[in-house]
């Protein structure tokens, strides 16, 4: 006879999550969104950053910032728990990365990109993941500032993923690798 499956209560989920600490790679990681249009993508980035224990979320250019109902709807309050910073000029975030010893890794399909699945940084590496506009990607000037260019392997006929999906895949890749090392 099969036992009935019981879902955890919200309190049980919260209690078990509070016992976990993210691996160093994740707790040092920064996510950066530059010129992202969609408030829903921004809200999703906040929620993903919270779920993976990410250090901070950088927003730049015309990327919308909290407080906005559209961001809150998707973030489910994560905009209140994730440290975030906005800079109109993206060079401020580039300077911060260099000053603090971060590898700036852009997620973009270029001739110089390597597949995400083949990138396994050392455990003490500090990474800032840069994501660009939903249509045009990362600005050329910012691409030249990146230490690494990564792309998610894709096999279908479409050639892009939504930023929120790309962000989740990329964060999970780094989490998985940090748990294996």
N, C-alpha and C. Protein backbone atom coordinates (compact mmCIF):
# COMPACT_ATOMS: atom_id res chain seq x y z
N UNK A 1 0.84 -1.18 0.00
CA UNK A 1 0.00 0.00 0.00
C UNK A 1 0.89 1.24 0.00
N UNK A 2 0.59 2.16 -0.90
CA UNK A 2 1.38 3.37 -1.04
C UNK A 2 0.97 4.40 0.00
N UNK A 3 1.99 5.02 0.63
CA UNK A 3 1.72 6.08 1.60
C UNK A 3 1.27 7.33 0.86
N UNK A 4 0.40 8.10 1.49
CA UNK A 4 0.00 9.36 0.87
C UNK A 4 1.13 10.38 1.03
N UNK A 5 1.33 11.14 0.01
CA UNK A 5 2.38 12.15 0.02
C UNK A 5 1.83 13.41 0.67
N UNK A 6 2.61 13.95 1.59
CA UNK A 6 2.19 15.17 2.26
C UNK A 6 3.17 16.29 1.94
N UNK A 7 2.63 17.39 1.49
CA UNK A 7 3.46 18.55 1.21
C UNK A 7 3.89 19.19 2.53
N UNK A 8 5.05 19.80 2.52
CA UNK A 8 5.52 20.55 3.68
C UNK A 8 4.68 21.82 3.80
N UNK A 9 4.49 22.26 5.02
CA UNK A 9 3.81 23.53 5.24
C UNK A 9 4.81 24.65 4.94
N UNK A 10 4.31 25.85 4.79
CA UNK A 10 5.18 27.00 4.55
C UNK A 10 6.17 27.17 5.70
N UNK A 11 5.73 26.96 6.90
CA UNK A 11 6.62 27.06 8.07
C UNK A 11 7.71 26.00 8.03
N UNK A 12 7.36 24.78 7.64
CA UNK A 12 8.36 23.71 7.53
C UNK A 12 9.39 24.01 6.45
N UNK A 13 8.92 24.52 5.33
CA UNK A 13 9.83 24.90 4.25
C UNK A 13 10.76 26.00 4.72
N UNK A 14 10.22 27.01 5.33
CA UNK A 14 11.02 28.13 5.83
C UNK A 14 12.06 27.65 6.84
N UNK A 15 11.66 26.79 7.75
CA UNK A 15 12.58 26.29 8.78
C UNK A 15 13.71 25.48 8.15
N UNK A 16 13.40 24.62 7.18
CA UNK A 16 14.46 23.82 6.55
C UNK A 16 15.39 24.69 5.71
N UNK A 17 14.87 25.71 5.07
CA UNK A 17 15.71 26.61 4.27
C UNK A 17 16.62 27.44 5.16
N UNK A 18 16.16 27.80 6.33
CA UNK A 18 16.97 28.59 7.26
C UNK A 18 18.17 27.81 7.78
N UNK A 19 18.11 26.48 7.72
CA UNK A 19 19.23 25.65 8.19
C UNK A 19 20.33 25.54 7.12
N UNK A 20 20.00 25.85 5.88
CA UNK A 20 20.96 25.73 4.78
C UNK A 20 21.74 27.02 4.59
N UNK A 21 22.99 26.86 4.25
CA UNK A 21 23.83 28.01 3.89
C UNK A 21 24.33 27.77 2.48
N UNK A 22 24.28 28.79 1.63
CA UNK A 22 24.74 28.59 0.25
C UNK A 22 26.25 28.36 0.21
N UNK A 23 26.72 27.61 -0.78
CA UNK A 23 28.17 27.46 -0.95
C UNK A 23 28.82 28.83 -1.19
N UNK A 24 30.10 28.93 -0.87
CA UNK A 24 30.83 30.19 -0.99
C UNK A 24 30.69 30.82 -2.37
N UNK A 25 30.78 30.02 -3.42
CA UNK A 25 30.66 30.54 -4.78
C UNK A 25 29.35 31.29 -4.96
N UNK A 26 28.27 30.77 -4.41
CA UNK A 26 26.96 31.39 -4.57
C UNK A 26 26.81 32.63 -3.67
N UNK A 27 27.28 32.54 -2.44
CA UNK A 27 27.11 33.68 -1.52
C UNK A 27 28.01 34.85 -1.89
N UNK A 28 29.01 34.61 -2.73
CA UNK A 28 29.86 35.70 -3.23
C UNK A 28 29.41 36.19 -4.61
N UNK A 29 28.52 35.45 -5.26
CA UNK A 29 28.12 35.77 -6.64
C UNK A 29 27.24 37.02 -6.70
N UNK A 30 27.41 37.78 -7.78
CA UNK A 30 26.58 38.95 -8.06
C UNK A 30 25.93 38.73 -9.42
N UNK A 31 24.67 39.11 -9.53
CA UNK A 31 23.94 39.08 -10.80
C UNK A 31 23.77 40.53 -11.25
N UNK A 32 24.01 40.76 -12.52
CA UNK A 32 23.91 42.12 -13.06
C UNK A 32 23.00 42.12 -14.28
N UNK A 33 21.97 42.95 -14.24
CA UNK A 33 21.06 43.13 -15.37
C UNK A 33 21.28 44.52 -15.95
N UNK A 34 21.64 44.59 -17.23
CA UNK A 34 21.85 45.88 -17.88
C UNK A 34 20.86 46.07 -19.03
N UNK A 35 20.14 47.17 -18.97
CA UNK A 35 19.15 47.53 -20.00
C UNK A 35 18.12 46.45 -20.25
N UNK A 36 17.69 45.79 -19.18
CA UNK A 36 16.59 44.81 -19.26
C UNK A 36 15.29 45.60 -19.19
N UNK A 37 14.39 45.37 -20.11
CA UNK A 37 13.15 46.13 -20.18
C UNK A 37 12.07 45.63 -19.24
N UNK A 38 11.91 44.33 -19.15
CA UNK A 38 10.75 43.74 -18.49
C UNK A 38 10.85 43.76 -16.97
N UNK A 39 9.86 44.37 -16.35
CA UNK A 39 9.79 44.38 -14.89
C UNK A 39 9.59 42.97 -14.34
N UNK A 40 8.93 42.12 -15.12
CA UNK A 40 8.75 40.73 -14.69
C UNK A 40 10.09 39.99 -14.69
N UNK A 41 10.94 40.26 -15.66
CA UNK A 41 12.28 39.65 -15.66
C UNK A 41 13.10 40.16 -14.47
N UNK A 42 12.95 41.42 -14.14
CA UNK A 42 13.67 41.98 -12.99
C UNK A 42 13.16 41.33 -11.70
N UNK A 43 11.85 41.21 -11.57
CA UNK A 43 11.28 40.56 -10.39
C UNK A 43 11.73 39.12 -10.27
N UNK A 44 11.77 38.43 -11.39
CA UNK A 44 12.24 37.05 -11.40
C UNK A 44 13.71 36.96 -11.00
N UNK A 45 14.52 37.93 -11.42
CA UNK A 45 15.93 37.96 -11.04
C UNK A 45 16.07 38.11 -9.52
N UNK A 46 15.25 38.96 -8.92
CA UNK A 46 15.28 39.11 -7.47
C UNK A 46 14.93 37.78 -6.78
N UNK A 47 13.90 37.15 -7.29
CA UNK A 47 13.45 35.89 -6.68
C UNK A 47 14.49 34.79 -6.84
N UNK A 48 15.12 34.70 -8.01
CA UNK A 48 16.16 33.71 -8.25
C UNK A 48 17.38 34.01 -7.38
N UNK A 49 17.77 35.27 -7.29
CA UNK A 49 18.90 35.66 -6.44
C UNK A 49 18.65 35.24 -4.99
N UNK A 50 17.44 35.44 -4.52
CA UNK A 50 17.10 35.04 -3.16
C UNK A 50 17.17 33.53 -3.00
N UNK A 51 16.61 32.81 -3.96
CA UNK A 51 16.57 31.34 -3.87
C UNK A 51 17.96 30.72 -3.85
N UNK A 52 18.91 31.31 -4.57
CA UNK A 52 20.25 30.73 -4.66
C UNK A 52 21.23 31.34 -3.66
N UNK A 53 20.77 32.27 -2.82
CA UNK A 53 21.64 32.87 -1.82
C UNK A 53 22.69 33.79 -2.42
N UNK A 54 22.34 34.47 -3.50
CA UNK A 54 23.26 35.35 -4.21
C UNK A 54 23.55 36.59 -3.36
N UNK A 55 24.80 37.07 -3.44
CA UNK A 55 25.25 38.22 -2.65
C UNK A 55 24.46 39.50 -2.95
N UNK A 56 24.31 39.82 -4.24
CA UNK A 56 23.67 41.09 -4.61
C UNK A 56 23.20 41.05 -6.05
N UNK A 57 22.33 42.00 -6.36
CA UNK A 57 21.81 42.17 -7.71
C UNK A 57 22.14 43.59 -8.14
N UNK A 58 22.86 43.72 -9.26
CA UNK A 58 23.16 45.03 -9.82
C UNK A 58 22.20 45.28 -10.97
N UNK A 59 21.70 46.50 -11.05
CA UNK A 59 20.82 46.94 -12.11
C UNK A 59 21.46 48.17 -12.74
N UNK A 60 21.43 48.27 -14.07
CA UNK A 60 22.02 49.46 -14.69
C UNK A 60 21.28 49.82 -15.96
N UNK A 61 21.60 51.03 -16.44
CA UNK A 61 20.95 51.54 -17.63
C UNK A 61 19.48 51.80 -17.34
N UNK A 62 18.63 51.44 -18.29
CA UNK A 62 17.20 51.69 -18.09
C UNK A 62 16.46 50.51 -17.45
N UNK A 63 17.19 49.57 -16.87
CA UNK A 63 16.55 48.46 -16.15
C UNK A 63 15.67 49.05 -15.04
N UNK A 64 14.40 48.67 -14.97
CA UNK A 64 13.53 49.21 -13.92
C UNK A 64 13.96 48.75 -12.53
N UNK A 65 13.69 49.59 -11.54
CA UNK A 65 14.08 49.30 -10.17
C UNK A 65 12.86 49.34 -9.25
N UNK A 66 12.95 48.63 -8.12
CA UNK A 66 11.87 48.72 -7.13
C UNK A 66 11.82 50.14 -6.56
N UNK A 67 10.72 50.52 -5.98
CA UNK A 67 9.47 49.77 -5.85
C UNK A 67 8.57 49.94 -7.08
N UNK A 68 8.16 48.84 -7.62
CA UNK A 68 7.20 48.81 -8.73
C UNK A 68 6.31 47.59 -8.52
N UNK A 69 5.00 47.73 -8.64
CA UNK A 69 4.11 46.59 -8.43
C UNK A 69 4.42 45.40 -9.34
N UNK A 70 4.84 45.68 -10.58
CA UNK A 70 5.14 44.61 -11.53
C UNK A 70 6.36 43.80 -11.08
N UNK A 71 7.33 44.46 -10.47
CA UNK A 71 8.52 43.77 -9.96
C UNK A 71 8.13 42.95 -8.74
N UNK A 72 7.40 43.57 -7.82
CA UNK A 72 6.99 42.90 -6.59
C UNK A 72 6.14 41.67 -6.87
N UNK A 73 5.26 41.76 -7.87
CA UNK A 73 4.38 40.63 -8.20
C UNK A 73 5.19 39.38 -8.51
N UNK A 74 6.28 39.53 -9.27
CA UNK A 74 7.11 38.38 -9.64
C UNK A 74 8.13 38.05 -8.56
N UNK A 75 8.66 39.08 -7.90
CA UNK A 75 9.71 38.87 -6.89
C UNK A 75 9.15 38.27 -5.59
N UNK A 76 7.86 38.42 -5.37
CA UNK A 76 7.22 37.93 -4.13
C UNK A 76 7.92 38.43 -2.87
N UNK A 77 8.38 39.68 -2.92
CA UNK A 77 9.02 40.28 -1.75
C UNK A 77 10.53 40.14 -1.71
N UNK A 78 11.12 39.42 -2.67
CA UNK A 78 12.58 39.22 -2.66
C UNK A 78 13.32 40.54 -2.88
N UNK A 79 12.66 41.53 -3.44
CA UNK A 79 13.30 42.85 -3.60
C UNK A 79 13.57 43.50 -2.25
N UNK A 80 12.93 42.96 -1.21
CA UNK A 80 13.16 43.44 0.16
C UNK A 80 14.27 42.66 0.87
N UNK A 81 14.62 41.48 0.36
CA UNK A 81 15.61 40.63 1.04
C UNK A 81 16.95 40.55 0.32
N UNK A 82 16.96 40.85 -0.97
CA UNK A 82 18.19 40.80 -1.75
C UNK A 82 18.81 42.19 -1.79
N UNK A 83 20.10 42.28 -1.51
CA UNK A 83 20.81 43.54 -1.63
C UNK A 83 20.88 43.90 -3.11
N UNK A 84 20.54 45.14 -3.43
CA UNK A 84 20.59 45.56 -4.83
C UNK A 84 21.08 46.99 -4.93
N UNK A 85 21.60 47.29 -6.12
CA UNK A 85 22.14 48.61 -6.37
C UNK A 85 21.89 48.97 -7.82
N UNK A 86 21.52 50.21 -8.08
CA UNK A 86 21.31 50.67 -9.44
C UNK A 86 22.35 51.73 -9.79
N UNK A 87 22.88 51.64 -11.00
CA UNK A 87 23.78 52.65 -11.53
C UNK A 87 23.34 52.96 -12.95
N UNK A 88 23.12 54.22 -13.23
CA UNK A 88 22.77 54.62 -14.59
C UNK A 88 23.91 54.27 -15.54
N UNK A 89 25.13 54.55 -15.09
CA UNK A 89 26.33 54.30 -15.88
C UNK A 89 26.90 52.93 -15.53
N UNK A 90 26.91 51.98 -16.47
CA UNK A 90 27.39 50.63 -16.18
C UNK A 90 28.87 50.55 -15.79
N UNK A 91 29.64 51.57 -16.14
CA UNK A 91 31.06 51.54 -15.79
C UNK A 91 31.27 51.51 -14.28
N UNK A 92 30.29 51.98 -13.52
CA UNK A 92 30.38 51.91 -12.05
C UNK A 92 30.43 50.45 -11.59
N UNK A 93 29.61 49.60 -12.20
CA UNK A 93 29.61 48.18 -11.83
C UNK A 93 30.86 47.48 -12.34
N UNK A 94 31.35 47.87 -13.52
CA UNK A 94 32.59 47.30 -14.04
C UNK A 94 33.72 47.63 -13.07
N UNK A 95 33.79 48.88 -12.66
CA UNK A 95 34.84 49.32 -11.72
C UNK A 95 34.73 48.53 -10.41
N UNK A 96 33.51 48.35 -9.90
CA UNK A 96 33.31 47.60 -8.65
C UNK A 96 33.84 46.18 -8.80
N UNK A 97 33.53 45.53 -9.91
CA UNK A 97 33.99 44.15 -10.15
C UNK A 97 35.52 44.08 -10.14
N UNK A 98 36.15 45.00 -10.84
CA UNK A 98 37.62 44.99 -10.90
C UNK A 98 38.23 45.27 -9.53
N UNK A 99 37.69 46.24 -8.84
CA UNK A 99 38.20 46.63 -7.52
C UNK A 99 38.07 45.50 -6.50
N UNK A 100 37.01 44.70 -6.63
CA UNK A 100 36.73 43.65 -5.66
C UNK A 100 37.13 42.25 -6.12
N UNK A 101 37.86 42.16 -7.22
CA UNK A 101 38.39 40.88 -7.69
C UNK A 101 37.35 39.93 -8.25
N UNK A 102 36.34 40.47 -8.92
CA UNK A 102 35.29 39.64 -9.51
C UNK A 102 35.58 39.34 -10.98
N UNK A 103 35.32 38.11 -11.38
CA UNK A 103 35.35 37.74 -12.79
C UNK A 103 34.02 38.18 -13.38
N UNK A 104 34.06 39.04 -14.37
CA UNK A 104 32.84 39.49 -15.03
C UNK A 104 32.55 38.53 -16.17
N UNK A 105 31.47 37.76 -16.02
CA UNK A 105 31.09 36.73 -16.98
C UNK A 105 29.78 37.13 -17.66
N UNK A 106 29.87 37.45 -18.95
CA UNK A 106 28.69 37.83 -19.71
C UNK A 106 28.04 36.62 -20.33
N UNK A 107 26.72 36.55 -20.26
CA UNK A 107 25.96 35.46 -20.90
C UNK A 107 25.51 35.99 -22.26
N UNK A 108 26.22 35.56 -23.29
CA UNK A 108 25.96 36.07 -24.62
C UNK A 108 26.50 35.08 -25.65
N UNK A 109 25.85 35.03 -26.80
CA UNK A 109 26.29 34.16 -27.88
C UNK A 109 27.23 34.97 -28.78
N UNK A 110 28.54 34.70 -28.64
CA UNK A 110 29.55 35.37 -29.46
C UNK A 110 30.49 34.30 -30.02
N UNK A 111 31.36 34.69 -30.93
CA UNK A 111 32.36 33.76 -31.46
C UNK A 111 33.37 33.38 -30.38
N UNK A 112 33.48 34.19 -29.32
CA UNK A 112 34.43 33.92 -28.25
C UNK A 112 33.80 33.21 -27.05
N UNK A 113 32.50 33.01 -27.06
CA UNK A 113 31.82 32.38 -25.92
C UNK A 113 32.21 30.91 -25.80
N UNK A 114 32.21 30.44 -24.57
CA UNK A 114 32.37 29.01 -24.35
C UNK A 114 31.07 28.51 -23.72
N UNK A 115 30.79 27.25 -23.92
CA UNK A 115 29.55 26.70 -23.37
C UNK A 115 29.60 26.72 -21.86
N UNK A 116 28.50 27.11 -21.27
CA UNK A 116 28.37 27.16 -19.82
C UNK A 116 28.73 25.82 -19.20
N UNK A 117 28.31 24.73 -19.84
CA UNK A 117 28.55 23.40 -19.29
C UNK A 117 30.03 23.05 -19.21
N UNK A 118 30.88 23.76 -19.94
CA UNK A 118 32.32 23.51 -19.89
C UNK A 118 33.08 24.46 -19.00
N UNK A 119 32.37 25.36 -18.33
CA UNK A 119 33.03 26.34 -17.46
C UNK A 119 32.88 25.93 -16.00
N UNK A 120 34.01 25.64 -15.39
CA UNK A 120 34.02 25.20 -13.99
C UNK A 120 35.07 26.02 -13.23
N UNK A 121 34.67 27.16 -12.67
CA UNK A 121 35.65 28.01 -12.00
C UNK A 121 36.16 27.38 -10.70
N UNK A 122 37.31 27.84 -10.27
CA UNK A 122 37.85 27.41 -8.99
C UNK A 122 36.88 27.83 -7.89
N UNK A 123 36.81 27.05 -6.79
CA UNK A 123 35.84 27.35 -5.73
C UNK A 123 35.97 28.75 -5.12
N UNK A 124 37.17 29.32 -5.12
CA UNK A 124 37.34 30.65 -4.50
C UNK A 124 37.14 31.80 -5.48
N UNK A 125 36.69 31.49 -6.70
CA UNK A 125 36.44 32.52 -7.71
C UNK A 125 35.19 33.30 -7.34
N UNK A 126 35.26 34.61 -7.49
CA UNK A 126 34.09 35.46 -7.29
C UNK A 126 33.59 35.89 -8.66
N UNK A 127 32.32 35.67 -8.91
CA UNK A 127 31.75 35.87 -10.24
C UNK A 127 30.61 36.88 -10.22
N UNK A 128 30.62 37.75 -11.22
CA UNK A 128 29.48 38.62 -11.50
C UNK A 128 28.93 38.19 -12.84
N UNK A 129 27.69 37.72 -12.86
CA UNK A 129 27.02 37.27 -14.09
C UNK A 129 26.27 38.44 -14.71
N UNK A 130 26.65 38.79 -15.93
CA UNK A 130 26.04 39.92 -16.64
C UNK A 130 25.04 39.42 -17.68
N UNK A 131 23.82 39.96 -17.60
CA UNK A 131 22.76 39.65 -18.56
C UNK A 131 22.32 40.96 -19.21
N UNK A 132 22.11 40.93 -20.52
CA UNK A 132 21.74 42.14 -21.25
C UNK A 132 20.28 42.19 -21.66
N UNK A 133 20.01 43.12 -22.53
CA UNK A 133 18.67 43.37 -23.04
C UNK A 133 18.06 42.11 -23.67
N UNK A 134 16.74 41.98 -23.51
CA UNK A 134 16.02 40.80 -24.00
C UNK A 134 16.13 40.60 -25.51
N UNK A 135 16.30 41.66 -26.28
CA UNK A 135 16.36 41.56 -27.74
C UNK A 135 17.78 41.71 -28.26
N UNK A 136 18.49 42.72 -27.78
CA UNK A 136 19.81 43.05 -28.34
C UNK A 136 20.98 42.46 -27.54
N UNK A 137 20.71 41.89 -26.39
CA UNK A 137 21.76 41.28 -25.59
C UNK A 137 22.61 42.30 -24.86
N UNK A 138 23.85 41.92 -24.58
CA UNK A 138 24.78 42.78 -23.85
C UNK A 138 25.39 43.80 -24.82
N UNK A 139 25.41 45.06 -24.41
CA UNK A 139 26.01 46.12 -25.23
C UNK A 139 27.45 45.77 -25.58
N UNK A 140 27.86 46.12 -26.79
CA UNK A 140 29.21 45.82 -27.27
C UNK A 140 30.28 46.37 -26.33
N UNK A 141 30.09 47.58 -25.81
CA UNK A 141 31.08 48.18 -24.91
C UNK A 141 31.25 47.34 -23.65
N UNK A 142 30.16 46.76 -23.15
CA UNK A 142 30.24 45.91 -21.96
C UNK A 142 30.84 44.54 -22.27
N UNK A 143 30.56 44.02 -23.46
CA UNK A 143 31.13 42.73 -23.85
C UNK A 143 32.65 42.78 -23.78
N UNK A 144 33.22 43.90 -24.20
CA UNK A 144 34.69 44.02 -24.21
C UNK A 144 35.26 44.11 -22.80
N UNK A 145 34.43 44.38 -21.81
CA UNK A 145 34.87 44.46 -20.41
C UNK A 145 34.80 43.10 -19.71
N UNK A 146 34.15 42.14 -20.34
CA UNK A 146 33.96 40.82 -19.71
C UNK A 146 35.24 40.00 -19.73
N UNK A 147 35.50 39.31 -18.62
CA UNK A 147 36.63 38.38 -18.54
C UNK A 147 36.28 37.06 -19.23
N UNK A 148 35.02 36.66 -19.13
CA UNK A 148 34.53 35.40 -19.70
C UNK A 148 33.23 35.70 -20.42
N UNK A 149 33.01 34.98 -21.52
CA UNK A 149 31.73 35.02 -22.22
C UNK A 149 31.22 33.59 -22.27
N UNK A 150 30.01 33.42 -21.78
CA UNK A 150 29.42 32.08 -21.66
C UNK A 150 28.10 32.03 -22.41
N UNK A 151 27.79 30.84 -22.92
CA UNK A 151 26.47 30.66 -23.52
C UNK A 151 25.90 29.31 -23.11
N UNK A 152 24.61 29.28 -23.01
CA UNK A 152 23.89 28.07 -22.63
C UNK A 152 23.71 27.23 -23.90
N UNK A 153 24.11 25.95 -23.88
CA UNK A 153 23.90 25.12 -25.07
C UNK A 153 22.41 24.99 -25.39
N UNK A 154 22.09 25.15 -26.65
CA UNK A 154 20.71 25.02 -27.11
C UNK A 154 20.70 24.14 -28.35
N UNK A 155 19.64 23.37 -28.49
CA UNK A 155 19.61 22.39 -29.57
C UNK A 155 18.40 22.52 -30.49
N UNK A 156 17.46 23.38 -30.14
CA UNK A 156 16.27 23.52 -30.96
C UNK A 156 16.45 24.54 -32.07
N UNK A 157 15.35 24.93 -32.66
CA UNK A 157 15.41 25.87 -33.77
C UNK A 157 15.41 27.33 -33.30
N UNK A 158 15.00 27.58 -32.09
CA UNK A 158 15.04 28.94 -31.54
C UNK A 158 16.45 29.17 -31.01
N UNK A 159 16.86 30.40 -30.96
CA UNK A 159 18.23 30.69 -30.59
C UNK A 159 18.37 31.54 -29.32
N UNK A 160 17.31 31.58 -28.52
CA UNK A 160 17.40 32.38 -27.31
C UNK A 160 16.46 31.84 -26.24
N UNK A 161 16.76 32.23 -25.02
CA UNK A 161 15.93 31.90 -23.87
C UNK A 161 15.56 33.20 -23.15
N UNK A 162 14.45 33.20 -22.46
CA UNK A 162 14.09 34.34 -21.64
C UNK A 162 15.16 34.55 -20.57
N UNK A 163 15.40 35.80 -20.20
CA UNK A 163 16.42 36.11 -19.20
C UNK A 163 16.16 35.37 -17.89
N UNK A 164 14.91 35.31 -17.47
CA UNK A 164 14.62 34.64 -16.20
C UNK A 164 14.96 33.15 -16.28
N UNK A 165 14.75 32.53 -17.42
CA UNK A 165 15.10 31.12 -17.61
C UNK A 165 16.62 30.97 -17.65
N UNK A 166 17.28 31.83 -18.43
CA UNK A 166 18.74 31.79 -18.51
C UNK A 166 19.38 31.98 -17.15
N UNK A 167 18.84 32.88 -16.38
CA UNK A 167 19.37 33.15 -15.04
C UNK A 167 19.24 31.92 -14.14
N UNK A 168 18.09 31.28 -14.17
CA UNK A 168 17.89 30.07 -13.36
C UNK A 168 18.82 28.94 -13.78
N UNK A 169 18.95 28.72 -15.09
CA UNK A 169 19.84 27.67 -15.58
C UNK A 169 21.28 27.95 -15.15
N UNK A 170 21.72 29.20 -15.34
CA UNK A 170 23.10 29.57 -15.02
C UNK A 170 23.39 29.45 -13.54
N UNK A 171 22.49 29.93 -12.70
CA UNK A 171 22.70 29.82 -11.25
C UNK A 171 22.73 28.36 -10.82
N UNK A 172 21.86 27.56 -11.38
CA UNK A 172 21.86 26.14 -11.02
C UNK A 172 23.16 25.47 -11.46
N UNK A 173 23.67 25.83 -12.62
CA UNK A 173 24.95 25.28 -13.08
C UNK A 173 26.04 25.55 -12.04
N UNK A 174 26.13 26.79 -11.59
CA UNK A 174 27.17 27.14 -10.62
C UNK A 174 26.92 26.48 -9.26
N UNK A 175 25.67 26.40 -8.84
CA UNK A 175 25.37 25.70 -7.58
C UNK A 175 25.76 24.25 -7.67
N UNK A 176 25.35 23.59 -8.73
CA UNK A 176 25.66 22.16 -8.92
C UNK A 176 27.16 21.93 -8.89
N UNK A 177 27.91 22.74 -9.62
CA UNK A 177 29.36 22.59 -9.64
C UNK A 177 30.00 22.85 -8.29
N UNK A 178 29.48 23.83 -7.55
CA UNK A 178 30.08 24.12 -6.25
C UNK A 178 29.78 23.02 -5.24
N UNK A 179 28.68 22.33 -5.41
CA UNK A 179 28.35 21.22 -4.51
C UNK A 179 29.17 19.98 -4.82
N UNK A 180 29.63 19.86 -6.09
CA UNK A 180 30.44 18.71 -6.49
C UNK A 180 31.90 18.87 -6.08
N UNK A 181 32.35 20.12 -5.91
CA UNK A 181 33.77 20.33 -5.60
C UNK A 181 34.07 20.27 -4.12
